[in-house]
């Protein structure tokens, strides 16, 4: 009795949080007069979560209060979560956040999964209620076809999920590299939390599939309704906390082609070795004379304004002539200044890190060790010993 009550409360909270998140997304779109693809994708995600929670809640109700049409309705919705995840990641990692004609092909794998569920959904309600239990009569032709088609749909579903998850991870990796070509501080723009979102979506779908398949072969339940309800609530809370507030970190001022590799990106450039060396010297002079590295929010557009060199030419010079991206180039100047301060002053490590342009001591320590092979404390002790 207590478990049923707790399950009902958790599921009701999941539905409530999901509905609130959908409302916040819609409100933001109306306020901006824009409907970006990633906002629509995240709103759809919450809609599916609310539908899943509603279906599980419906199953826990007494027979007289249960809504038959809710049974299996999410089989039409959940297969599209992989595409939903992809559109959300794509929208946050590109300047073009709209829809394209070629996006229509994403309907094909979703239709395949839904098609596999149709034999099950076409059965009478009573058969649908018992088909996913070990007591179901699998020798009945209709039941057998329904079970086999559902299993094939689930296998297809998993394959599609792996493809979407892999594509989303690959796009995130490319995005983080692109951010290091644009910013000297990548905290808040690298979208690291999306790794957790991908894991959550994959875990969520695997949980649904396993909990649905297992009763066919064994009467043992892998997860109780309370555990599943708690998981639903955690998912909507975590995604709601990060996903609804997340803005597209791609700056409108960026002129870089971040879609291809470095070789393809600069394939049309007319710059030669002497040109790259000249631009590299110009960048060094600007950094040294104006101490641009002290700005913790220094970006590629700031260096362009200070030198008069285009973004693409700066990026090509850094990547091909100096062998570093913008992030590492600026941090190299910061660490160089930090080394001098550690040798010649008694300032604390925290004060030095802030003075040279780092907002966080942990980021400073990581960058310092990457460049020097030592921690700031070890470097200072070694410098004192040499004196």
Protein backbone atom coordinates (compact mmCIF):
# COMPACT_ATOMS: atom_id res chain seq x y z
CA UNK A 1 0.00 0.00 0.00
CA UNK A 2 2.78 2.40 1.00
CA UNK A 3 4.78 1.41 -2.10
CA UNK A 4 1.80 2.12 -4.38
CA UNK A 5 1.29 5.49 -2.72
CA UNK A 6 4.98 6.38 -3.10
CA UNK A 7 4.92 5.30 -6.75
CA UNK A 8 1.87 7.46 -7.41
CA UNK A 9 3.50 10.48 -5.78
CA UNK A 10 6.77 10.07 -7.70
CA UNK A 11 5.00 9.61 -11.03
CA UNK A 12 2.73 12.59 -10.39
CA UNK A 13 5.77 14.72 -9.56
CA UNK A 14 7.49 13.55 -12.76
CA UNK A 15 4.47 14.57 -14.84
CA UNK A 16 4.24 17.91 -13.06
CA UNK A 17 7.94 18.75 -13.52
CA UNK A 18 7.81 17.71 -17.18
CA UNK A 19 4.75 19.89 -17.84
CA UNK A 20 6.40 22.87 -16.13
CA UNK A 21 9.56 22.41 -18.22
CA UNK A 22 7.51 22.25 -21.42
CA UNK A 23 5.80 25.48 -20.40
CA UNK A 24 9.14 27.19 -19.73
CA UNK A 25 10.50 26.15 -23.11
CA UNK A 26 7.40 27.38 -24.94
CA UNK A 27 7.43 30.62 -22.98
CA UNK A 28 11.06 31.23 -23.92
CA UNK A 29 10.38 30.54 -27.60
CA UNK A 30 7.43 32.92 -27.62
CA UNK A 31 9.46 35.62 -25.87
CA UNK A 32 12.31 35.31 -28.41
CA UNK A 33 9.90 34.85 -31.34
CA UNK A 34 12.04 31.86 -32.39
CA UNK A 35 11.44 28.12 -32.39
CA UNK A 36 14.93 26.57 -32.59
CA UNK A 37 15.12 22.85 -33.29
CA UNK A 38 16.87 22.07 -30.00
CA UNK A 39 14.12 23.77 -27.96
CA UNK A 40 11.45 21.80 -29.79
CA UNK A 41 13.49 18.62 -29.23
CA UNK A 42 13.84 19.20 -25.47
CA UNK A 43 10.13 20.03 -25.17
CA UNK A 44 9.29 16.79 -26.97
CA UNK A 45 11.61 14.91 -24.61
CA UNK A 46 9.65 16.16 -21.61
CA UNK A 47 6.39 15.27 -23.36
CA UNK A 48 7.58 11.68 -23.80
CA UNK A 49 8.70 11.50 -20.18
CA UNK A 50 5.30 12.77 -19.03
CA UNK A 51 3.57 10.20 -21.25
CA UNK A 52 5.77 7.38 -19.90
CA UNK A 53 5.01 8.40 -16.32
CA UNK A 54 1.29 8.70 -17.11
CA UNK A 55 1.22 5.21 -18.66
CA UNK A 56 2.95 3.66 -15.65
CA UNK A 57 0.62 5.56 -13.34
CA UNK A 58 -2.34 4.28 -15.33
CA UNK A 59 -1.14 0.68 -14.91
CA UNK A 60 -1.06 1.05 -11.12
CA UNK A 61 -4.69 2.23 -10.93
CA UNK A 62 -7.60 -0.13 -10.10
CA UNK A 63 -9.35 -1.68 -13.10
CA UNK A 64 -12.33 0.64 -12.87
CA UNK A 65 -10.16 3.77 -13.08
CA UNK A 66 -7.68 2.59 -15.71
CA UNK A 67 -7.72 4.26 -19.14
CA UNK A 68 -7.39 1.54 -21.83
CA UNK A 69 -6.14 3.92 -24.53
CA UNK A 70 -3.04 4.74 -22.46
CA UNK A 71 -1.84 1.12 -22.59
CA UNK A 72 1.05 1.00 -25.06
CA UNK A 73 0.62 4.57 -26.29
CA UNK A 74 4.27 5.41 -25.60
CA UNK A 75 5.35 2.75 -28.10
CA UNK A 76 4.59 5.44 -30.69
CA UNK A 77 6.67 8.03 -28.86
CA UNK A 78 9.77 6.54 -27.26
CA UNK A 79 11.45 5.33 -30.52
CA UNK A 80 11.94 8.95 -31.52
CA UNK A 81 14.01 9.81 -28.44
CA UNK A 82 17.25 9.01 -30.28
CA UNK A 83 16.43 11.54 -32.99
CA UNK A 84 15.25 13.94 -30.32
CA UNK A 85 18.65 13.71 -28.60
CA UNK A 86 20.45 14.27 -31.91
CA UNK A 87 18.43 17.37 -32.79
CA UNK A 88 19.04 18.83 -29.34
CA UNK A 89 22.81 18.29 -29.55
CA UNK A 90 22.93 19.55 -33.15
CA UNK A 91 20.98 22.67 -32.26
CA UNK A 92 23.37 23.56 -29.43
CA UNK A 93 26.53 22.94 -31.45
CA UNK A 94 25.78 24.87 -34.62
CA UNK A 95 24.83 28.38 -35.63
CA UNK A 96 22.04 27.09 -37.87
CA UNK A 97 19.40 25.98 -35.36
CA UNK A 98 16.52 25.55 -37.78
CA UNK A 99 15.10 22.57 -39.63
CA UNK A 100 16.44 21.27 -42.93
CA UNK A 101 14.74 19.27 -45.68
CA UNK A 102 17.06 16.31 -45.23
CA UNK A 103 15.91 15.97 -41.61
CA UNK A 104 12.87 14.12 -42.95
CA UNK A 105 14.87 10.88 -43.23
CA UNK A 106 14.87 10.60 -39.43
CA UNK A 107 11.23 9.53 -39.74
CA UNK A 108 12.23 6.25 -41.45
CA UNK A 109 13.86 4.42 -38.49
CA UNK A 110 11.16 5.73 -36.16
CA UNK A 111 8.48 4.34 -38.48
CA UNK A 112 10.28 0.97 -38.52
CA UNK A 113 10.15 0.75 -34.73
CA UNK A 114 6.51 1.82 -34.62
CA UNK A 115 5.67 -0.69 -37.34
CA UNK A 116 7.04 -3.46 -35.16
CA UNK A 117 4.68 -2.43 -32.36
CA UNK A 118 1.53 -2.41 -34.52
CA UNK A 119 0.81 -6.19 -34.29
CA UNK A 120 0.89 -5.86 -30.50
CA UNK A 121 -1.30 -2.76 -30.47
CA UNK A 122 -3.81 -4.39 -32.83
CA UNK A 123 -4.55 -7.15 -30.32
CA UNK A 124 -7.57 -6.91 -27.99
CA UNK A 125 -6.97 -5.11 -24.73
CA UNK A 126 -7.07 -8.27 -22.61
CA UNK A 127 -4.43 -9.98 -24.73
CA UNK A 128 -2.22 -6.91 -24.61
CA UNK A 129 -2.37 -6.92 -20.82
CA UNK A 130 -1.11 -10.51 -20.55
CA UNK A 131 1.11 -10.79 -23.64
CA UNK A 132 4.18 -9.48 -21.83
CA UNK A 133 4.00 -12.10 -19.10
CA UNK A 134 5.42 -15.60 -19.00
CA UNK A 135 1.85 -16.95 -18.81
CA UNK A 136 0.91 -15.66 -22.25
CA UNK A 137 0.05 -18.30 -24.87
CA UNK A 138 2.90 -17.81 -27.35
CA UNK A 139 1.60 -20.68 -29.49
CA UNK A 140 -1.32 -18.51 -30.58
CA UNK A 141 -0.34 -17.19 -34.04
CA UNK A 142 -1.42 -13.61 -33.31
CA UNK A 143 0.46 -13.56 -30.01
CA UNK A 144 3.55 -15.14 -31.57
CA UNK A 145 3.62 -12.57 -34.40
CA UNK A 146 3.16 -9.75 -31.91
CA UNK A 147 6.01 -10.96 -29.68
CA UNK A 148 8.42 -11.57 -32.58
CA UNK A 149 7.67 -8.23 -34.22
CA UNK A 150 8.11 -6.43 -30.91
CA UNK A 151 11.47 -8.14 -30.31
CA UNK A 152 12.64 -7.17 -33.80
CA UNK A 153 11.46 -3.60 -33.21
CA UNK A 154 13.39 -3.47 -29.93
CA UNK A 155 16.58 -4.75 -31.60
CA UNK A 156 16.17 -2.12 -34.32
CA UNK A 157 15.49 0.43 -31.61
CA UNK A 158 18.73 -0.39 -29.79
CA UNK A 159 20.75 -0.22 -33.02
CA UNK A 160 19.26 3.17 -33.86
CA UNK A 161 19.92 4.38 -30.33
CA UNK A 162 23.58 3.37 -30.55
CA UNK A 163 23.93 5.22 -33.87
CA UNK A 164 22.28 8.38 -32.56
CA UNK A 165 24.27 8.26 -29.32
CA UNK A 166 27.54 7.79 -31.20
CA UNK A 167 26.74 10.59 -33.64
CA UNK A 168 25.82 12.92 -30.76
CA UNK A 169 29.06 12.13 -28.89
CA UNK A 170 31.11 12.69 -32.04
CA UNK A 171 29.44 16.05 -32.61
CA UNK A 172 30.13 17.08 -29.00
CA UNK A 173 33.82 16.23 -29.38
CA UNK A 174 34.03 18.38 -32.53
CA UNK A 175 32.16 21.16 -30.73
CA UNK A 176 34.66 21.21 -27.86
CA UNK A 177 37.53 21.45 -30.31
CA UNK A 178 35.74 24.31 -32.04
CA UNK A 179 35.26 26.14 -28.74
CA UNK A 180 39.01 26.00 -28.13
CA UNK A 181 39.51 27.81 -31.43
CA UNK A 182 37.18 30.60 -30.29
CA UNK A 183 37.56 31.09 -26.53
CA UNK A 184 40.32 31.26 -23.93
CA UNK A 185 37.83 30.03 -21.33
CA UNK A 186 35.67 27.04 -22.22
CA UNK A 187 33.79 26.63 -18.94
CA UNK A 188 30.08 26.90 -19.72
CA UNK A 189 30.46 26.54 -23.50
CA UNK A 190 31.89 23.02 -23.81
CA UNK A 191 28.49 21.41 -23.01
CA UNK A 192 30.11 18.72 -20.85
CA UNK A 193 26.83 18.00 -19.10
CA UNK A 194 25.41 16.66 -22.38
CA UNK A 195 27.55 13.54 -21.88
CA UNK A 196 25.38 12.81 -18.86
CA UNK A 197 22.22 13.50 -20.88
CA UNK A 198 23.25 10.96 -23.53
CA UNK A 199 23.95 8.36 -20.84
CA UNK A 200 20.59 9.13 -19.21
CA UNK A 201 18.64 8.73 -22.46
CA UNK A 202 20.43 5.47 -23.32
CA UNK A 203 19.89 4.12 -19.81
CA UNK A 204 16.25 5.17 -19.89
CA UNK A 205 15.53 3.35 -23.15
CA UNK A 206 17.49 0.24 -22.16
CA UNK A 207 15.55 0.22 -18.89
CA UNK A 208 12.27 0.32 -20.80
CA UNK A 209 13.31 -2.48 -23.15
CA UNK A 210 14.71 -4.78 -20.46
CA UNK A 211 11.75 -4.28 -18.13
CA UNK A 212 9.40 -5.06 -21.05
CA UNK A 213 11.24 -8.12 -22.39
CA UNK A 214 11.99 -9.84 -19.09
CA UNK A 215 8.37 -10.66 -18.12
CA UNK A 216 7.98 -12.55 -21.41
CA UNK A 217 10.48 -15.15 -20.27
CA UNK A 218 10.34 -14.92 -16.48
CA UNK A 219 7.75 -13.84 -13.91
CA UNK A 220 10.49 -12.03 -11.98
CA UNK A 221 10.41 -8.24 -12.14
CA UNK A 222 13.82 -6.64 -12.62
CA UNK A 223 12.68 -3.25 -11.34
CA UNK A 224 9.79 -2.33 -9.11
CA UNK A 225 7.41 0.43 -10.20
CA UNK A 226 8.74 2.61 -7.39
CA UNK A 227 12.32 2.34 -8.63
CA UNK A 228 11.23 3.15 -12.19
CA UNK A 229 9.14 6.08 -10.96
CA UNK A 230 12.10 7.43 -8.99
CA UNK A 231 14.28 7.13 -12.07
CA UNK A 232 11.73 9.07 -14.16
CA UNK A 233 11.68 11.86 -11.60
CA UNK A 234 15.48 12.06 -11.48
CA UNK A 235 15.63 12.23 -15.28
CA UNK A 236 13.17 15.11 -15.64
CA UNK A 237 14.78 17.01 -12.77
CA UNK A 238 18.33 16.69 -14.13
CA UNK A 239 17.41 17.43 -17.74
CA UNK A 240 15.10 20.22 -16.63
CA UNK A 241 17.80 21.83 -14.49
CA UNK A 242 20.40 21.91 -17.26
CA UNK A 243 18.50 21.54 -20.53
CA UNK A 244 15.83 24.21 -20.19
CA UNK A 245 18.31 26.94 -19.22
CA UNK A 246 21.00 25.97 -21.72
CA UNK A 247 21.65 28.57 -24.41
CA UNK A 248 23.40 27.99 -27.70
CA UNK A 249 27.11 28.68 -26.98
CA UNK A 250 28.02 29.22 -30.63
CA UNK A 251 28.78 32.95 -30.96
CA UNK A 252 27.11 34.92 -33.71
CA UNK A 253 30.43 36.62 -34.50
CA UNK A 254 32.27 33.40 -35.39
CA UNK A 255 33.43 33.23 -39.00
CA UNK A 256 35.31 29.94 -38.69
CA UNK A 257 34.35 26.84 -40.59
CA UNK A 258 34.13 24.36 -37.72
CA UNK A 259 32.60 21.54 -39.76
CA UNK A 260 35.71 19.92 -41.23
CA UNK A 261 39.22 19.01 -40.20
CA UNK A 262 42.05 21.53 -40.15
CA UNK A 263 43.34 20.45 -43.56
CA UNK A 264 39.98 20.90 -45.26
CA UNK A 265 39.19 24.06 -43.29
CA UNK A 266 42.15 25.95 -44.74
CA UNK A 267 42.20 24.27 -48.15
CA UNK A 268 41.16 27.46 -49.96
CA UNK A 269 43.52 29.75 -48.04
CA UNK A 270 46.18 31.62 -50.03
CA UNK A 271 48.49 32.12 -47.02
CA UNK A 272 52.03 30.81 -47.42
CA UNK A 273 54.67 30.02 -44.81
CA UNK A 274 56.06 33.57 -44.79
CA UNK A 275 52.55 34.98 -44.37
CA UNK A 276 51.85 32.70 -41.43
CA UNK A 277 55.17 33.64 -39.78
CA UNK A 278 54.42 37.36 -40.23
CA UNK A 279 50.93 37.00 -38.73
CA UNK A 280 52.33 34.89 -35.88
CA UNK A 281 54.77 37.68 -35.01
CA UNK A 282 51.97 40.23 -35.12
CA UNK A 283 49.90 38.13 -32.71
CA UNK A 284 52.82 37.78 -30.30
CA UNK A 285 53.46 41.52 -30.29
CA UNK A 286 49.79 42.29 -29.57
CA UNK A 287 49.68 39.75 -26.74
CA UNK A 288 52.94 41.00 -25.21
CA UNK A 289 52.39 44.75 -25.52
CA UNK A 290 48.71 44.90 -24.55
CA UNK A 291 48.76 41.98 -22.09
CA UNK A 292 45.60 40.66 -23.73
CA UNK A 293 46.01 37.35 -21.89
CA UNK A 294 45.02 39.04 -18.63
CA UNK A 295 41.42 39.21 -19.86
CA UNK A 296 39.82 36.00 -18.52
CA UNK A 297 37.11 36.20 -21.20
CA UNK A 298 39.46 36.84 -24.12
CA UNK A 299 38.03 35.44 -27.36
CA UNK A 300 39.14 35.16 -30.96
CA UNK A 301 37.10 38.22 -31.95
CA UNK A 302 39.03 40.29 -29.37
CA UNK A 303 42.35 39.26 -30.90
CA UNK A 304 40.99 40.07 -34.35
CA UNK A 305 40.05 43.58 -33.22
CA UNK A 306 43.44 44.10 -31.58
CA UNK A 307 45.48 42.98 -34.59
CA UNK A 308 43.26 43.64 -37.61
CA UNK A 309 43.85 40.07 -38.79
CA UNK A 310 40.80 38.05 -39.81
CA UNK A 311 39.55 35.20 -37.66
CA UNK A 312 40.32 32.58 -40.29
CA UNK A 313 43.87 33.84 -40.79
CA UNK A 314 44.51 33.89 -37.03
CA UNK A 315 43.11 30.40 -36.66
CA UNK A 316 45.20 29.06 -39.55
CA UNK A 317 48.34 30.70 -38.16
CA UNK A 318 47.80 29.22 -34.72
CA UNK A 319 46.93 25.73 -35.94
CA UNK A 320 49.35 25.34 -38.84
CA UNK A 321 52.29 27.63 -37.96
CA UNK A 322 52.35 27.50 -34.15
CA UNK A 323 50.67 24.10 -33.76
CA UNK A 324 48.18 25.22 -31.08
CA UNK A 325 44.56 26.31 -30.90
CA UNK A 326 43.46 29.69 -29.58
CA UNK A 327 42.76 28.31 -26.09
CA UNK A 328 46.23 26.81 -25.69
CA UNK A 329 47.91 29.83 -27.28
CA UNK A 330 46.42 32.25 -24.76
CA UNK A 331 47.05 29.88 -21.86
CA UNK A 332 50.68 29.62 -22.94
CA UNK A 333 51.06 33.37 -22.40
CA UNK A 334 49.26 33.14 -19.08
CA UNK A 335 51.46 30.34 -17.79
CA UNK A 336 54.58 32.19 -18.96
CA UNK A 337 53.52 35.20 -16.88
CA UNK A 338 52.60 32.93 -13.96
CA UNK A 339 56.04 31.34 -13.98
CA UNK A 340 57.66 34.76 -13.71
CA UNK A 341 55.36 35.69 -10.82
CA UNK A 342 56.06 32.42 -9.02
CA UNK A 343 59.83 32.99 -9.33
CA UNK A 344 59.98 36.68 -8.51
CA UNK A 345 57.12 37.38 -6.06
CA UNK A 346 55.63 35.99 -2.86
CA UNK A 347 52.04 36.18 -4.13
CA UNK A 348 49.81 33.23 -3.43
CA UNK A 349 49.08 30.76 -6.21
CA UNK A 350 45.42 31.83 -6.19
CA UNK A 351 46.32 35.52 -6.57
CA UNK A 352 48.71 34.75 -9.41
CA UNK A 353 46.14 32.59 -11.21
CA UNK A 354 43.61 35.42 -11.12
CA UNK A 355 46.17 38.02 -12.14
CA UNK A 356 47.17 36.14 -15.28
CA UNK A 357 43.57 35.56 -16.40
CA UNK A 358 42.28 32.33 -14.88
CA UNK A 359 38.91 32.38 -13.14
CA UNK A 360 39.40 29.08 -11.30
CA UNK A 361 42.45 27.77 -9.48
CA UNK A 362 41.72 24.22 -10.63
CA UNK A 363 41.80 25.31 -14.28
CA UNK A 364 45.06 27.17 -13.65
CA UNK A 365 46.66 24.15 -11.98
CA UNK A 366 45.62 21.86 -14.83
CA UNK A 367 46.92 24.24 -17.51
CA UNK A 368 50.15 24.88 -15.61
CA UNK A 369 50.93 21.18 -15.23
CA UNK A 370 50.06 20.48 -18.86
CA UNK A 371 52.57 23.09 -20.07
CA UNK A 372 55.36 22.81 -17.48
CA UNK A 373 54.92 19.24 -16.25
CA UNK A 374 54.80 20.53 -12.66
CA UNK A 375 52.28 21.97 -10.27
CA UNK A 376 52.66 25.69 -9.45
CA UNK A 377 53.92 24.79 -5.95
CA UNK A 378 56.54 22.40 -7.32
CA UNK A 379 57.69 25.00 -9.83
CA UNK A 380 58.07 27.65 -7.11
CA UNK A 381 60.02 25.30 -4.84
CA UNK A 382 62.33 24.42 -7.73
CA UNK A 383 62.86 28.09 -8.61
CA UNK A 384 63.71 28.92 -4.98
CA UNK A 385 66.18 26.02 -4.82
CA UNK A 386 67.98 27.25 -7.92
CA UNK A 387 68.33 30.73 -6.41
